[in-house]
PDB file of N, CA and C in Angstrom:
ATOM      1  N   MET A   1      -8.569 139.676  60.009  1.00  0.00           N
ATOM      2  CA  MET A   1      -9.524 140.451  60.778  1.00  0.00           C
ATOM      3  C   MET A   1      -9.492 140.051  62.248  1.00  0.00           C
ATOM      4  N   LYS A   2      -9.319 138.742  62.494  1.00  0.00           N
ATOM      5  CA  LYS A   2      -9.259 138.284  63.874  1.00  0.00           C
ATOM      6  C   LYS A   2      -8.044 138.856  64.594  1.00  0.00           C
ATOM      7  N   ALA A   3      -6.931 138.965  63.864  1.00  0.00           N
ATOM      8  CA  ALA A   3      -5.713 139.492  64.469  1.00  0.00           C
ATOM      9  C   ALA A   3      -5.891 140.952  64.878  1.00  0.00           C
ATOM     10  N   ALA A   4      -6.563 141.725  64.033  1.00  0.00           N
ATOM     11  CA  ALA A   4      -6.795 143.134  64.355  1.00  0.00           C
ATOM     12  C   ALA A   4      -7.681 143.263  65.585  1.00  0.00           C
ATOM     13  N   THR A   5      -8.713 142.430  65.663  1.00  0.00           N
ATOM     14  CA  THR A   5      -9.602 142.461  66.818  1.00  0.00           C
ATOM     15  C   THR A   5      -8.850 142.075  68.077  1.00  0.00           C
ATOM     16  N   LEU A   6      -8.001 141.077  67.970  1.00  0.00           N
ATOM     17  CA  LEU A   6      -7.199 140.652  69.111  1.00  0.00           C
ATOM     18  C   LEU A   6      -6.267 141.766  69.562  1.00  0.00           C
ATOM     19  N   MET A   7      -5.599 142.423  68.640  1.00  0.00           N
ATOM     20  CA  MET A   7      -4.675 143.506  68.990  1.00  0.00           C
ATOM     21  C   MET A   7      -5.410 144.675  69.632  1.00  0.00           C
ATOM     22  N   ILE A   8      -6.579 145.014  69.107  1.00  0.00           N
ATOM     23  CA  ILE A   8      -7.368 146.100  69.694  1.00  0.00           C
ATOM     24  C   ILE A   8      -7.806 145.720  71.104  1.00  0.00           C
ATOM     25  N   GLY A   9      -8.203 144.475  71.286  1.00  0.00           N
ATOM     26  CA  GLY A   9      -8.607 144.009  72.611  1.00  0.00           C
ATOM     27  C   GLY A   9      -7.459 144.028  73.608  1.00  0.00           C
ATOM     28  N   LEU A  10      -6.285 143.602  73.150  1.00  0.00           N
ATOM     29  CA  LEU A  10      -5.116 143.636  74.024  1.00  0.00           C
ATOM     30  C   LEU A  10      -4.754 145.060  74.422  1.00  0.00           C
ATOM     31  N   ALA A  11      -4.781 145.965  73.455  1.00  0.00           N
ATOM     32  CA  ALA A  11      -4.461 147.364  73.739  1.00  0.00           C
ATOM     33  C   ALA A  11      -5.474 147.969  74.712  1.00  0.00           C
ATOM     34  N   ALA A  12      -6.756 147.669  74.499  1.00  0.00           N
ATOM     35  CA  ALA A  12      -7.787 148.199  75.395  1.00  0.00           C
ATOM     36  C   ALA A  12      -7.634 147.613  76.802  1.00  0.00           C
ATOM     37  N   GLY A  13      -7.326 146.339  76.889  1.00  0.00           N
ATOM     38  CA  GLY A  13      -7.124 145.716  78.193  1.00  0.00           C
ATOM     39  C   GLY A  13      -5.936 146.294  78.931  1.00  0.00           C
ATOM     40  N   MET A  14      -4.854 146.525  78.209  1.00  0.00           N
ATOM     41  CA  MET A  14      -3.681 147.130  78.835  1.00  0.00           C
ATOM     42  C   MET A  14      -3.981 148.545  79.307  1.00  0.00           C
ATOM     43  N   ALA A  15      -4.729 149.299  78.516  1.00  0.00           N
ATOM     44  CA  ALA A  15      -5.078 150.666  78.904  1.00  0.00           C
ATOM     45  C   ALA A  15      -5.963 150.670  80.143  1.00  0.00           C
ATOM     46  N   MET A  16      -6.913 149.747  80.197  1.00  0.00           N
ATOM     47  CA  MET A  16      -7.794 149.683  81.371  1.00  0.00           C
ATOM     48  C   MET A  16      -7.019 149.242  82.613  1.00  0.00           C
ATOM     49  N   ALA A  17      -6.111 148.302  82.462  1.00  0.00           N
ATOM     50  CA  ALA A  17      -5.308 147.855  83.600  1.00  0.00           C
ATOM     51  C   ALA A  17      -4.409 148.978  84.106  1.00  0.00           C
ATOM     52  N   THR A  18      -3.802 149.710  83.181  1.00  0.00           N
ATOM     53  CA  THR A  18      -2.947 150.827  83.569  1.00  0.00           C
ATOM     54  C   THR A  18      -3.747 151.903  84.280  1.00  0.00           C
ATOM     55  N   ALA A  19      -4.928 152.209  83.758  1.00  0.00           N
ATOM     56  CA  ALA A  19      -5.776 153.217  84.397  1.00  0.00           C
ATOM     57  C   ALA A  19      -6.187 152.770  85.793  1.00  0.00           C
ATOM     58  N   GLY A  20      -6.469 151.495  85.961  1.00  0.00           N
ATOM     59  CA  GLY A  20      -6.841 150.982  87.278  1.00  0.00           C
ATOM     60  C   GLY A  20      -5.714 151.080  88.275  1.00  0.00           C
ATOM     61  N   VAL A  21      -4.506 150.726  87.846  1.00  0.00           N
ATOM     62  CA  VAL A  21      -3.356 150.804  88.749  1.00  0.00           C
ATOM     63  C   VAL A  21      -3.064 152.252  89.123  1.00  0.00           C
ATOM     64  N   ILE A  22      -3.136 153.151  88.156  1.00  0.00           N
ATOM     65  CA  ILE A  22      -2.872 154.566  88.432  1.00  0.00           C
ATOM     66  C   ILE A  22      -3.934 155.137  89.362  1.00  0.00           C
ATOM     67  N   ALA A  23      -5.185 154.688  89.213  1.00  0.00           N
ATOM     68  CA  ALA A  23      -6.248 155.172  90.099  1.00  0.00           C
ATOM     69  C   ALA A  23      -6.015 154.693  91.536  1.00  0.00           C
ATOM     70  N   MET A  24      -5.517 153.463  91.695  1.00  0.00           N
ATOM     71  CA  MET A  24      -5.275 152.948  93.048  1.00  0.00           C
ATOM     72  C   MET A  24      -4.001 153.521  93.658  1.00  0.00           C
ATOM     73  N   TYR A  25      -2.985 153.707  92.829  1.00  0.00           N
ATOM     74  CA  TYR A  25      -1.688 154.180  93.309  1.00  0.00           C
ATOM     75  C   TYR A  25      -1.251 155.377  92.472  1.00  0.00           C
ATOM     76  N   PRO A  26      -1.612 156.591  92.865  1.00  0.00           N
ATOM     77  CA  PRO A  26      -1.323 157.778  92.036  1.00  0.00           C
ATOM     78  C   PRO A  26       0.165 158.046  91.826  1.00  0.00           C
ATOM     79  N   ASP A  27       1.019 157.611  92.733  1.00  0.00           N
ATOM     80  CA  ASP A  27       2.439 157.910  92.587  1.00  0.00           C
ATOM     81  C   ASP A  27       3.155 156.957  91.625  1.00  0.00           C
ATOM     82  N   VAL A  28       2.458 155.945  91.134  1.00  0.00           N
ATOM     83  CA  VAL A  28       3.078 154.973  90.234  1.00  0.00           C
ATOM     84  C   VAL A  28       3.564 155.650  88.954  1.00  0.00           C
ATOM     85  N   SER A  29       2.775 156.541  88.398  1.00  0.00           N
ATOM     86  CA  SER A  29       3.175 157.190  87.148  1.00  0.00           C
ATOM     87  C   SER A  29       4.437 158.017  87.347  1.00  0.00           C
ATOM     88  N   ARG A  30       4.559 158.690  88.493  1.00  0.00           N
ATOM     89  CA  ARG A  30       5.785 159.463  88.756  1.00  0.00           C
ATOM     90  C   ARG A  30       6.988 158.532  88.891  1.00  0.00           C
ATOM     91  N   ARG A  31       6.796 157.419  89.580  1.00  0.00           N
ATOM     92  CA  ARG A  31       7.895 156.461  89.728  1.00  0.00           C
ATOM     93  C   ARG A  31       8.299 155.877  88.387  1.00  0.00           C
ATOM     94  N   MET A  32       7.307 155.578  87.544  1.00  0.00           N
ATOM     95  CA  MET A  32       7.616 155.017  86.226  1.00  0.00           C
ATOM     96  C   MET A  32       8.421 156.010  85.396  1.00  0.00           C
ATOM     97  N   MET A  33       8.053 157.275  85.443  1.00  0.00           N
ATOM     98  CA  MET A  33       8.802 158.290  84.701  1.00  0.00           C
ATOM     99  C   MET A  33      10.232 158.384  85.225  1.00  0.00           C
ATOM    100  N   ARG A  34      10.395 158.412  86.545  1.00  0.00           N
ATOM    101  CA  ARG A  34      11.725 158.504  87.147  1.00  0.00           C
ATOM    102  C   ARG A  34      12.572 157.290  86.770  1.00  0.00           C
ATOM    103  N   ASP A  35      11.994 156.120  86.896  1.00  0.00           N
ATOM    104  CA  ASP A  35      12.738 154.898  86.618  1.00  0.00           C
ATOM    105  C   ASP A  35      13.070 154.756  85.133  1.00  0.00           C
ATOM    106  N   SER A  36      12.162 155.204  84.264  1.00  0.00           N
ATOM    107  CA  SER A  36      12.451 155.105  82.831  1.00  0.00           C
ATOM    108  C   SER A  36      13.578 156.058  82.447  1.00  0.00           C
ATOM    109  N   LYS A  37      13.631 157.231  83.054  1.00  0.00           N
ATOM    110  CA  LYS A  37      14.736 158.157  82.778  1.00  0.00           C
ATOM    111  C   LYS A  37      16.055 157.545  83.239  1.00  0.00           C
ATOM    112  N   ARG A  38      16.037 156.919  84.410  1.00  0.00           N
ATOM    113  CA  ARG A  38      17.245 156.274  84.925  1.00  0.00           C
ATOM    114  C   ARG A  38      17.675 155.132  84.004  1.00  0.00           C
ATOM    115  N   ALA A  39      16.708 154.349  83.535  1.00  0.00           N
ATOM    116  CA  ALA A  39      17.021 153.231  82.649  1.00  0.00           C
ATOM    117  C   ALA A  39      17.613 153.730  81.332  1.00  0.00           C
ATOM    118  N   LEU A  40      17.088 154.827  80.810  1.00  0.00           N
ATOM    119  CA  LEU A  40      17.637 155.390  79.567  1.00  0.00           C
ATOM    120  C   LEU A  40      19.075 155.843  79.762  1.00  0.00           C
ATOM    121  N   ARG A  41      19.351 156.491  80.902  1.00  0.00           N
ATOM    122  CA  ARG A  41      20.727 156.927  81.158  1.00  0.00           C
ATOM    123  C   ARG A  41      21.668 155.737  81.254  1.00  0.00           C
ATOM    124  N   CYS A  42      21.250 154.716  81.985  1.00  0.00           N
ATOM    125  CA  CYS A  42      22.088 153.516  82.125  1.00  0.00           C
ATOM    126  C   CYS A  42      22.257 152.822  80.776  1.00  0.00           C
ATOM    127  N   GLY A  43      21.207 152.787  79.978  1.00  0.00           N
ATOM    128  CA  GLY A  43      21.285 152.167  78.658  1.00  0.00           C
ATOM    129  C   GLY A  43      22.239 152.907  77.743  1.00  0.00           C
ATOM    130  N   LYS A  44      22.189 154.233  77.776  1.00  0.00           N
ATOM    131  CA  LYS A  44      23.102 155.028  76.946  1.00  0.00           C
ATOM    132  C   LYS A  44      24.542 154.783  77.363  1.00  0.00           C
ATOM    133  N   ARG A  45      24.763 154.718  78.677  1.00  0.00           N
ATOM    134  CA  ARG A  45      26.111 154.476  79.172  1.00  0.00           C
ATOM    135  C   ARG A  45      26.604 153.089  78.736  1.00  0.00           C
ATOM    136  N   ALA A  46      25.744 152.092  78.846  1.00  0.00           N
ATOM    137  CA  ALA A  46      26.125 150.740  78.460  1.00  0.00           C
ATOM    138  C   ALA A  46      26.415 150.666  76.966  1.00  0.00           C
ATOM    139  N   MET A  47      25.611 151.330  76.142  1.00  0.00           N
ATOM    140  CA  MET A  47      25.845 151.321  74.700  1.00  0.00           C
ATOM    141  C   MET A  47      27.171 152.009  74.364  1.00  0.00           C
ATOM    142  N   GLY A  48      27.494 153.052  75.084  1.00  0.00           N
ATOM    143  CA  GLY A  48      28.777 153.730  74.871  1.00  0.00           C
ATOM    144  C   GLY A  48      29.944 152.825  75.213  1.00  0.00           C
ATOM    145  N   GLN A  49      29.810 152.078  76.315  1.00  0.00           N
ATOM    146  CA  GLN A  49      30.894 151.173  76.702  1.00  0.00           C
ATOM    147  C   GLN A  49      31.040 150.035  75.694  1.00  0.00           C
ATOM    148  N   ILE A  50      29.912 149.504  75.224  1.00  0.00           N
ATOM    149  CA  ILE A  50      29.963 148.443  74.221  1.00  0.00           C
ATOM    150  C   ILE A  50      30.566 148.960  72.932  1.00  0.00           C
ATOM    151  N   GLY A  51      30.205 150.173  72.546  1.00  0.00           N
ATOM    152  CA  GLY A  51      30.747 150.766  71.335  1.00  0.00           C
ATOM    153  C   GLY A  51      32.248 150.972  71.425  1.00  0.00           C
ATOM    154  N   SER A  52      32.742 151.362  72.617  1.00  0.00           N
ATOM    155  CA  SER A  52      34.184 151.575  72.763  1.00  0.00           C
ATOM    156  C   SER A  52      34.949 150.246  72.731  1.00  0.00           C
ATOM    157  N   ILE A  53      34.302 149.175  73.178  1.00  0.00           N
ATOM    158  CA  ILE A  53      34.945 147.863  73.139  1.00  0.00           C
ATOM    159  C   ILE A  53      35.131 147.414  71.692  1.00  0.00           C
ATOM    160  N   PHE A  54      34.093 147.567  70.883  1.00  0.00           N
ATOM    161  CA  PHE A  54      34.124 147.090  69.498  1.00  0.00           C
ATOM    162  C   PHE A  54      34.693 148.119  68.526  1.00  0.00           C
ATOM    163  N   GLY A  55      34.791 149.375  68.967  1.00  0.00           N
ATOM    164  CA  GLY A  55      35.204 150.424  68.043  1.00  0.00           C
ATOM    165  C   GLY A  55      36.625 150.689  67.987  1.00  0.00           C
TER     166      GLY A  55
END
């Protein structure tokens, strides 16, 4: 039961911190979306290169 309470508290704290940062800096969410798309593309490319090495 303590673990569940801790996890709920951590999730709520992270949500409140994220909401606070977004309220102070509105463009952060757009940057995060852009950067995550870039990271996914780079990750896919890296996985393809690793696969070709071992395949």
